[in-house]
Amino acid sequence: MRFFCSDLHLGGNEVLERENRPFEDWFSYASYQIKEINKVADIGDEVYVLGDFLNCNDREIENTLYFVKYIHADVILIIGN
């Protein structure tokens, strides 16, 4: 199956504050998102992230790409704005 999502903004606390997302920190938010993706997507599936998988600075890129390996499906990241 193919799944599509966008605007996860993983890797930093900025989006949690800006959008009032109910998570203690970026780690708990990223863990939750990965768990939710894995509930529906599995090995052999594809997850297309249509932009803004993470906020773009060096720290967030390193932190966030660490989480991609925990998604069971193949992940295709499409560059956002």
PDB file of N, CA and C in Angstrom:
ATOM      1  N   MET A   1       0.844  -1.180   0.000  1.00  0.00           N
ATOM      2  CA  MET A   1       0.000   0.000   0.000  1.00  0.00           C
ATOM      3  C   MET A   1       0.883   1.234   0.000  1.00  0.00           C
ATOM      4  N   ARG A   2       0.304   2.329  -0.415  1.00  0.00           N
ATOM      5  CA  ARG A   2       0.980   3.621  -0.380  1.00  0.00           C
ATOM      6  C   ARG A   2       0.214   4.539   0.568  1.00  0.00           C
ATOM      7  N   PHE A   3       0.966   5.200   1.421  1.00  0.00           N
ATOM      8  CA  PHE A   3       0.396   6.140   2.381  1.00  0.00           C
ATOM      9  C   PHE A   3       1.028   7.509   2.165  1.00  0.00           C
ATOM     10  N   PHE A   4       0.265   8.560   2.453  1.00  0.00           N
ATOM     11  CA  PHE A   4       0.735   9.923   2.238  1.00  0.00           C
ATOM     12  C   PHE A   4       0.481  10.755   3.492  1.00  0.00           C
ATOM     13  N   CYS A   5       1.457  11.563   3.836  1.00  0.00           N
ATOM     14  CA  CYS A   5       1.297  12.509   4.938  1.00  0.00           C
ATOM     15  C   CYS A   5       2.184  13.712   4.644  1.00  0.00           C
ATOM     16  N   SER A   6       2.093  14.724   5.466  1.00  0.00           N
ATOM     17  CA  SER A   6       2.936  15.913   5.295  1.00  0.00           C
ATOM     18  C   SER A   6       3.022  16.685   6.599  1.00  0.00           C
ATOM     19  N   ASP A   7       3.963  17.604   6.617  1.00  0.00           N
ATOM     20  CA  ASP A   7       4.076  18.599   7.693  1.00  0.00           C
ATOM     21  C   ASP A   7       4.208  18.001   9.088  1.00  0.00           C
ATOM     22  N   LEU A   8       5.020  16.981   9.218  1.00  0.00           N
ATOM     23  CA  LEU A   8       5.252  16.412  10.548  1.00  0.00           C
ATOM     24  C   LEU A   8       6.138  17.326  11.391  1.00  0.00           C
ATOM     25  N   HIS A   9       7.067  18.019  10.758  1.00  0.00           N
ATOM     26  CA  HIS A   9       7.974  18.944  11.453  1.00  0.00           C
ATOM     27  C   HIS A   9       8.651  18.282  12.649  1.00  0.00           C
ATOM     28  N   LEU A  10       9.214  17.108  12.425  1.00  0.00           N
ATOM     29  CA  LEU A  10       9.893  16.390  13.498  1.00  0.00           C
ATOM     30  C   LEU A  10      11.252  17.011  13.795  1.00  0.00           C
ATOM     31  N   GLY A  11      11.792  16.716  14.972  1.00  0.00           N
ATOM     32  CA  GLY A  11      13.161  17.070  15.286  1.00  0.00           C
ATOM     33  C   GLY A  11      13.371  18.256  16.190  1.00  0.00           C
ATOM     34  N   GLY A  12      12.365  19.041  16.442  1.00  0.00           N
ATOM     35  CA  GLY A  12      12.547  20.206  17.304  1.00  0.00           C
ATOM     36  C   GLY A  12      11.268  20.579  18.026  1.00  0.00           C
ATOM     37  N   ASN A  13      11.408  21.360  19.067  1.00  0.00           N
ATOM     38  CA  ASN A  13      10.250  21.765  19.874  1.00  0.00           C
ATOM     39  C   ASN A  13       9.477  22.937  19.286  1.00  0.00           C
ATOM     40  N   GLU A  14      10.042  23.622  18.308  1.00  0.00           N
ATOM     41  CA  GLU A  14       9.423  24.845  17.777  1.00  0.00           C
ATOM     42  C   GLU A  14       7.987  24.601  17.314  1.00  0.00           C
ATOM     43  N   VAL A  15       7.740  23.535  16.569  1.00  0.00           N
ATOM     44  CA  VAL A  15       6.392  23.277  16.056  1.00  0.00           C
ATOM     45  C   VAL A  15       5.426  22.926  17.190  1.00  0.00           C
ATOM     46  N   LEU A  16       5.931  22.298  18.241  1.00  0.00           N
ATOM     47  CA  LEU A  16       5.070  21.957  19.375  1.00  0.00           C
ATOM     48  C   LEU A  16       4.526  23.221  20.026  1.00  0.00           C
ATOM     49  N   GLU A  17       5.377  24.205  20.161  1.00  0.00           N
ATOM     50  CA  GLU A  17       4.962  25.474  20.768  1.00  0.00           C
ATOM     51  C   GLU A  17       4.089  26.281  19.820  1.00  0.00           C
ATOM     52  N   ARG A  18       4.524  26.391  18.553  1.00  0.00           N
ATOM     53  CA  ARG A  18       3.802  27.211  17.575  1.00  0.00           C
ATOM     54  C   ARG A  18       2.392  26.696  17.336  1.00  0.00           C
ATOM     55  N   GLU A  19       2.221  25.376  17.270  1.00  0.00           N
ATOM     56  CA  GLU A  19       0.923  24.801  16.936  1.00  0.00           C
ATOM     57  C   GLU A  19       0.244  24.154  18.136  1.00  0.00           C
ATOM     58  N   ASN A  20       0.783  24.409  19.301  1.00  0.00           N
ATOM     59  CA  ASN A  20       0.187  23.934  20.551  1.00  0.00           C
ATOM     60  C   ASN A  20      -0.079  22.422  20.522  1.00  0.00           C
ATOM     61  N   ARG A  21       0.914  21.677  20.037  1.00  0.00           N
ATOM     62  CA  ARG A  21       0.782  20.218  19.996  1.00  0.00           C
ATOM     63  C   ARG A  21       1.048  19.663  21.400  1.00  0.00           C
ATOM     64  N   PRO A  22       0.241  18.752  21.866  1.00  0.00           N
ATOM     65  CA  PRO A  22       0.252  18.333  23.279  1.00  0.00           C
ATOM     66  C   PRO A  22       1.325  17.280  23.619  1.00  0.00           C
ATOM     67  N   PHE A  23       2.580  17.635  23.418  1.00  0.00           N
ATOM     68  CA  PHE A  23       3.676  16.725  23.714  1.00  0.00           C
ATOM     69  C   PHE A  23       4.705  17.461  24.559  1.00  0.00           C
ATOM     70  N   GLU A  24       5.368  16.696  25.420  1.00  0.00           N
ATOM     71  CA  GLU A  24       6.357  17.283  26.321  1.00  0.00           C
ATOM     72  C   GLU A  24       7.575  17.812  25.572  1.00  0.00           C
ATOM     73  N   ASP A  25       8.005  17.076  24.551  1.00  0.00           N
ATOM     74  CA  ASP A  25       9.182  17.473  23.785  1.00  0.00           C
ATOM     75  C   ASP A  25       9.162  16.795  22.420  1.00  0.00           C
ATOM     76  N   TRP A  26      10.136  17.161  21.574  1.00  0.00           N
ATOM     77  CA  TRP A  26      10.159  16.627  20.209  1.00  0.00           C
ATOM     78  C   TRP A  26      10.345  15.114  20.197  1.00  0.00           C
ATOM     79  N   PHE A  27      11.059  14.568  21.159  1.00  0.00           N
ATOM     80  CA  PHE A  27      11.281  13.129  21.198  1.00  0.00           C
ATOM     81  C   PHE A  27       9.966  12.369  21.398  1.00  0.00           C
ATOM     82  N   SER A  28       9.151  12.811  22.340  1.00  0.00           N
ATOM     83  CA  SER A  28       7.863  12.139  22.560  1.00  0.00           C
ATOM     84  C   SER A  28       6.933  12.335  21.364  1.00  0.00           C
ATOM     85  N   TYR A  29       6.993  13.500  20.733  1.00  0.00           N
ATOM     86  CA  TYR A  29       6.184  13.761  19.544  1.00  0.00           C
ATOM     87  C   TYR A  29       6.616  12.848  18.386  1.00  0.00           C
ATOM     88  N   ALA A  30       7.927  12.754  18.135  1.00  0.00           N
ATOM     89  CA  ALA A  30       8.425  11.915  17.051  1.00  0.00           C
ATOM     90  C   ALA A  30       8.102  10.443  17.319  1.00  0.00           C
ATOM     91  N   SER A  31       8.271  10.004  18.549  1.00  0.00           N
ATOM     92  CA  SER A  31       7.957   8.615  18.907  1.00  0.00           C
ATOM     93  C   SER A  31       6.491   8.304  18.650  1.00  0.00           C
ATOM     94  N   TYR A  32       5.618   9.237  19.005  1.00  0.00           N
ATOM     95  CA  TYR A  32       4.183   9.059  18.773  1.00  0.00           C
ATOM     96  C   TYR A  32       3.888   8.953  17.273  1.00  0.00           C
ATOM     97  N   GLN A  33       4.459   9.846  16.486  1.00  0.00           N
ATOM     98  CA  GLN A  33       4.202   9.829  15.041  1.00  0.00           C
ATOM     99  C   GLN A  33       4.679   8.525  14.408  1.00  0.00           C
ATOM    100  N   ILE A  34       5.858   8.055  14.804  1.00  0.00           N
ATOM    101  CA  ILE A  34       6.379   6.801  14.267  1.00  0.00           C
ATOM    102  C   ILE A  34       5.454   5.641  14.640  1.00  0.00           C
ATOM    103  N   LYS A  35       5.007   5.619  15.876  1.00  0.00           N
ATOM    104  CA  LYS A  35       4.097   4.561  16.332  1.00  0.00           C
ATOM    105  C   LYS A  35       2.798   4.579  15.521  1.00  0.00           C
ATOM    106  N   GLU A  36       2.253   5.756  15.273  1.00  0.00           N
ATOM    107  CA  GLU A  36       1.011   5.867  14.502  1.00  0.00           C
ATOM    108  C   GLU A  36       1.209   5.427  13.053  1.00  0.00           C
ATOM    109  N   ILE A  37       2.324   5.803  12.451  1.00  0.00           N
ATOM    110  CA  ILE A  37       2.605   5.372  11.076  1.00  0.00           C
ATOM    111  C   ILE A  37       2.705   3.850  11.025  1.00  0.00           C
ATOM    112  N   ASN A  38       3.406   3.268  11.995  1.00  0.00           N
ATOM    113  CA  ASN A  38       3.595   1.814  12.002  1.00  0.00           C
ATOM    114  C   ASN A  38       2.303   1.044  12.288  1.00  0.00           C
ATOM    115  N   LYS A  39       1.291   1.696  12.819  1.00  0.00           N
ATOM    116  CA  LYS A  39      -0.001   1.026  13.017  1.00  0.00           C
ATOM    117  C   LYS A  39      -0.663   0.683  11.685  1.00  0.00           C
ATOM    118  N   VAL A  40      -0.395   1.496  10.652  1.00  0.00           N
ATOM    119  CA  VAL A  40      -1.069   1.282   9.371  1.00  0.00           C
ATOM    120  C   VAL A  40      -0.132   0.851   8.251  1.00  0.00           C
ATOM    121  N   ALA A  41       1.138   1.213   8.328  1.00  0.00           N
ATOM    122  CA  ALA A  41       2.099   0.897   7.266  1.00  0.00           C
ATOM    123  C   ALA A  41       3.087  -0.139   7.777  1.00  0.00           C
ATOM    124  N   ASP A  42       3.404  -1.109   6.929  1.00  0.00           N
ATOM    125  CA  ASP A  42       4.293  -2.191   7.352  1.00  0.00           C
ATOM    126  C   ASP A  42       5.340  -2.455   6.270  1.00  0.00           C
ATOM    127  N   ILE A  43       6.165  -3.437   6.488  1.00  0.00           N
ATOM    128  CA  ILE A  43       7.198  -3.808   5.527  1.00  0.00           C
ATOM    129  C   ILE A  43       6.538  -4.078   4.176  1.00  0.00           C
ATOM    130  N   GLY A  44       7.112  -3.508   3.132  1.00  0.00           N
ATOM    131  CA  GLY A  44       6.557  -3.652   1.787  1.00  0.00           C
ATOM    132  C   GLY A  44       5.666  -2.491   1.383  1.00  0.00           C
ATOM    133  N   ASP A  45       5.219  -1.705   2.352  1.00  0.00           N
ATOM    134  CA  ASP A  45       4.426  -0.517   2.066  1.00  0.00           C
ATOM    135  C   ASP A  45       5.356   0.674   1.810  1.00  0.00           C
ATOM    136  N   GLU A  46       4.771   1.747   1.304  1.00  0.00           N
ATOM    137  CA  GLU A  46       5.512   2.989   1.091  1.00  0.00           C
ATOM    138  C   GLU A  46       4.791   4.121   1.799  1.00  0.00           C
ATOM    139  N   VAL A  47       5.558   4.954   2.475  1.00  0.00           N
ATOM    140  CA  VAL A  47       5.018   6.158   3.108  1.00  0.00           C
ATOM    141  C   VAL A  47       5.672   7.356   2.423  1.00  0.00           C
ATOM    142  N   TYR A  48       4.862   8.160   1.758  1.00  0.00           N
ATOM    143  CA  TYR A  48       5.339   9.385   1.114  1.00  0.00           C
ATOM    144  C   TYR A  48       5.079  10.544   2.065  1.00  0.00           C
ATOM    145  N   VAL A  49       6.130  11.245   2.404  1.00  0.00           N
ATOM    146  CA  VAL A  49       5.996  12.436   3.240  1.00  0.00           C
ATOM    147  C   VAL A  49       6.135  13.629   2.301  1.00  0.00           C
ATOM    148  N   LEU A  50       5.023  14.321   2.075  1.00  0.00           N
ATOM    149  CA  LEU A  50       4.952  15.383   1.070  1.00  0.00           C
ATOM    150  C   LEU A  50       5.358  16.719   1.678  1.00  0.00           C
ATOM    151  N   GLY A  51       6.590  16.821   2.041  1.00  0.00           N
ATOM    152  CA  GLY A  51       7.148  18.073   2.533  1.00  0.00           C
ATOM    153  C   GLY A  51       7.127  18.211   4.039  1.00  0.00           C
ATOM    154  N   ASP A  52       8.119  18.910   4.519  1.00  0.00           N
ATOM    155  CA  ASP A  52       8.245  19.298   5.926  1.00  0.00           C
ATOM    156  C   ASP A  52       8.234  18.115   6.888  1.00  0.00           C
ATOM    157  N   PHE A  53       9.002  17.079   6.547  1.00  0.00           N
ATOM    158  CA  PHE A  53       9.203  15.967   7.475  1.00  0.00           C
ATOM    159  C   PHE A  53       9.902  16.478   8.732  1.00  0.00           C
ATOM    160  N   LEU A  54      10.803  17.427   8.537  1.00  0.00           N
ATOM    161  CA  LEU A  54      11.516  18.013   9.671  1.00  0.00           C
ATOM    162  C   LEU A  54      11.746  19.485   9.403  1.00  0.00           C
ATOM    163  N   ASN A  55      12.053  20.191  10.467  1.00  0.00           N
ATOM    164  CA  ASN A  55      12.458  21.587  10.328  1.00  0.00           C
ATOM    165  C   ASN A  55      13.929  21.575   9.931  1.00  0.00           C
ATOM    166  N   CYS A  56      14.344  22.530   9.153  1.00  0.00           N
ATOM    167  CA  CYS A  56      15.660  22.452   8.532  1.00  0.00           C
ATOM    168  C   CYS A  56      16.727  23.237   9.281  1.00  0.00           C
ATOM    169  N   ASN A  57      17.412  22.563  10.164  1.00  0.00           N
ATOM    170  CA  ASN A  57      18.706  23.021  10.672  1.00  0.00           C
ATOM    171  C   ASN A  57      19.499  21.781  11.022  1.00  0.00           C
ATOM    172  N   ASP A  58      20.795  21.905  11.131  1.00  0.00           N
ATOM    173  CA  ASP A  58      21.659  20.728  11.261  1.00  0.00           C
ATOM    174  C   ASP A  58      21.285  19.834  12.434  1.00  0.00           C
ATOM    175  N   ARG A  59      20.969  20.401  13.582  1.00  0.00           N
ATOM    176  CA  ARG A  59      20.636  19.606  14.759  1.00  0.00           C
ATOM    177  C   ARG A  59      19.374  18.800  14.509  1.00  0.00           C
ATOM    178  N   GLU A  60      18.369  19.425  13.936  1.00  0.00           N
ATOM    179  CA  GLU A  60      17.108  18.730  13.714  1.00  0.00           C
ATOM    180  C   GLU A  60      17.240  17.651  12.649  1.00  0.00           C
ATOM    181  N   ILE A  61      18.039  17.885  11.637  1.00  0.00           N
ATOM    182  CA  ILE A  61      18.232  16.868  10.603  1.00  0.00           C
ATOM    183  C   ILE A  61      18.852  15.623  11.224  1.00  0.00           C
ATOM    184  N   GLU A  62      19.895  15.792  11.980  1.00  0.00           N
ATOM    185  CA  GLU A  62      20.566  14.651  12.614  1.00  0.00           C
ATOM    186  C   GLU A  62      19.620  13.925  13.568  1.00  0.00           C
ATOM    187  N   ASN A  63      18.917  14.655  14.408  1.00  0.00           N
ATOM    188  CA  ASN A  63      17.983  14.045  15.365  1.00  0.00           C
ATOM    189  C   ASN A  63      16.866  13.299  14.662  1.00  0.00           C
ATOM    190  N   THR A  64      16.332  13.859  13.627  1.00  0.00           N
ATOM    191  CA  THR A  64      15.142  13.320  12.992  1.00  0.00           C
ATOM    192  C   THR A  64      15.443  12.131  12.091  1.00  0.00           C
ATOM    193  N   LEU A  65      16.499  12.190  11.334  1.00  0.00           N
ATOM    194  CA  LEU A  65      16.815  11.067  10.450  1.00  0.00           C
ATOM    195  C   LEU A  65      17.092   9.800  11.244  1.00  0.00           C
ATOM    196  N   TYR A  66      17.465   9.951  12.485  1.00  0.00           N
ATOM    197  CA  TYR A  66      17.632   8.811  13.382  1.00  0.00           C
ATOM    198  C   TYR A  66      16.330   8.015  13.484  1.00  0.00           C
ATOM    199  N   PHE A  67      15.188   8.702  13.448  1.00  0.00           N
ATOM    200  CA  PHE A  67      13.881   8.063  13.629  1.00  0.00           C
ATOM    201  C   PHE A  67      13.383   7.339  12.383  1.00  0.00           C
ATOM    202  N   VAL A  68      13.850   7.718  11.206  1.00  0.00           N
ATOM    203  CA  VAL A  68      13.338   7.123   9.967  1.00  0.00           C
ATOM    204  C   VAL A  68      13.526   5.611   9.973  1.00  0.00           C
ATOM    205  N   LYS A  69      14.622   5.136  10.525  1.00  0.00           N
ATOM    206  CA  LYS A  69      14.891   3.692  10.496  1.00  0.00           C
ATOM    207  C   LYS A  69      13.884   2.891  11.316  1.00  0.00           C
ATOM    208  N   TYR A  70      13.104   3.549  12.157  1.00  0.00           N
ATOM    209  CA  TYR A  70      12.109   2.850  12.974  1.00  0.00           C
ATOM    210  C   TYR A  70      10.747   2.751  12.301  1.00  0.00           C
ATOM    211  N   ILE A  71      10.598   3.371  11.146  1.00  0.00           N
ATOM    212  CA  ILE A  71       9.363   3.232  10.375  1.00  0.00           C
ATOM    213  C   ILE A  71       9.477   1.929   9.592  1.00  0.00           C
ATOM    214  N   HIS A  72       8.501   1.053   9.729  1.00  0.00           N
ATOM    215  CA  HIS A  72       8.556  -0.266   9.101  1.00  0.00           C
ATOM    216  C   HIS A  72       8.516  -0.188   7.582  1.00  0.00           C
ATOM    217  N   ALA A  73       7.761   0.723   7.044  1.00  0.00           N
ATOM    218  CA  ALA A  73       7.606   0.851   5.594  1.00  0.00           C
ATOM    219  C   ALA A  73       8.788   1.612   5.000  1.00  0.00           C
ATOM    220  N   ASP A  74       8.883   1.577   3.668  1.00  0.00           N
ATOM    221  CA  ASP A  74       9.855   2.413   2.974  1.00  0.00           C
ATOM    222  C   ASP A  74       9.348   3.846   3.035  1.00  0.00           C
ATOM    223  N   VAL A  75      10.247   4.779   3.313  1.00  0.00           N
ATOM    224  CA  VAL A  75       9.872   6.181   3.445  1.00  0.00           C
ATOM    225  C   VAL A  75      10.450   6.962   2.280  1.00  0.00           C
ATOM    226  N   ILE A  76       9.591   7.706   1.605  1.00  0.00           N
ATOM    227  CA  ILE A  76      10.011   8.565   0.503  1.00  0.00           C
ATOM    228  C   ILE A  76       9.748   9.993   0.939  1.00  0.00           C
ATOM    229  N   LEU A  77      10.822  10.755   1.084  1.00  0.00           N
ATOM    230  CA  LEU A  77      10.708  12.144   1.539  1.00  0.00           C
ATOM    231  C   LEU A  77      10.702  13.064   0.317  1.00  0.00           C
ATOM    232  N   ILE A  78       9.652  13.865   0.182  1.00  0.00           N
ATOM    233  CA  ILE A  78       9.536  14.839  -0.894  1.00  0.00           C
ATOM    234  C   ILE A  78       9.867  16.207  -0.300  1.00  0.00           C
ATOM    235  N   ILE A  79      10.752  16.929  -0.944  1.00  0.00           N
ATOM    236  CA  ILE A  79      11.163  18.240  -0.440  1.00  0.00           C
ATOM    237  C   ILE A  79       9.958  19.175  -0.392  1.00  0.00           C
ATOM    238  N   GLY A  80       9.836  19.900   0.720  1.00  0.00           N
ATOM    239  CA  GLY A  80       8.752  20.863   0.877  1.00  0.00           C
ATOM    240  C   GLY A  80       9.210  22.266   0.517  1.00  0.00           C
ATOM    241  N   ASN A  81       8.479  23.245   1.044  1.00  0.00           N
ATOM    242  CA  ASN A  81       8.806  24.620   0.747  1.00  0.00           C
ATOM    243  C   ASN A  81      10.091  24.982   1.441  1.00  0.00           C
TER     244      ASN A  81
END
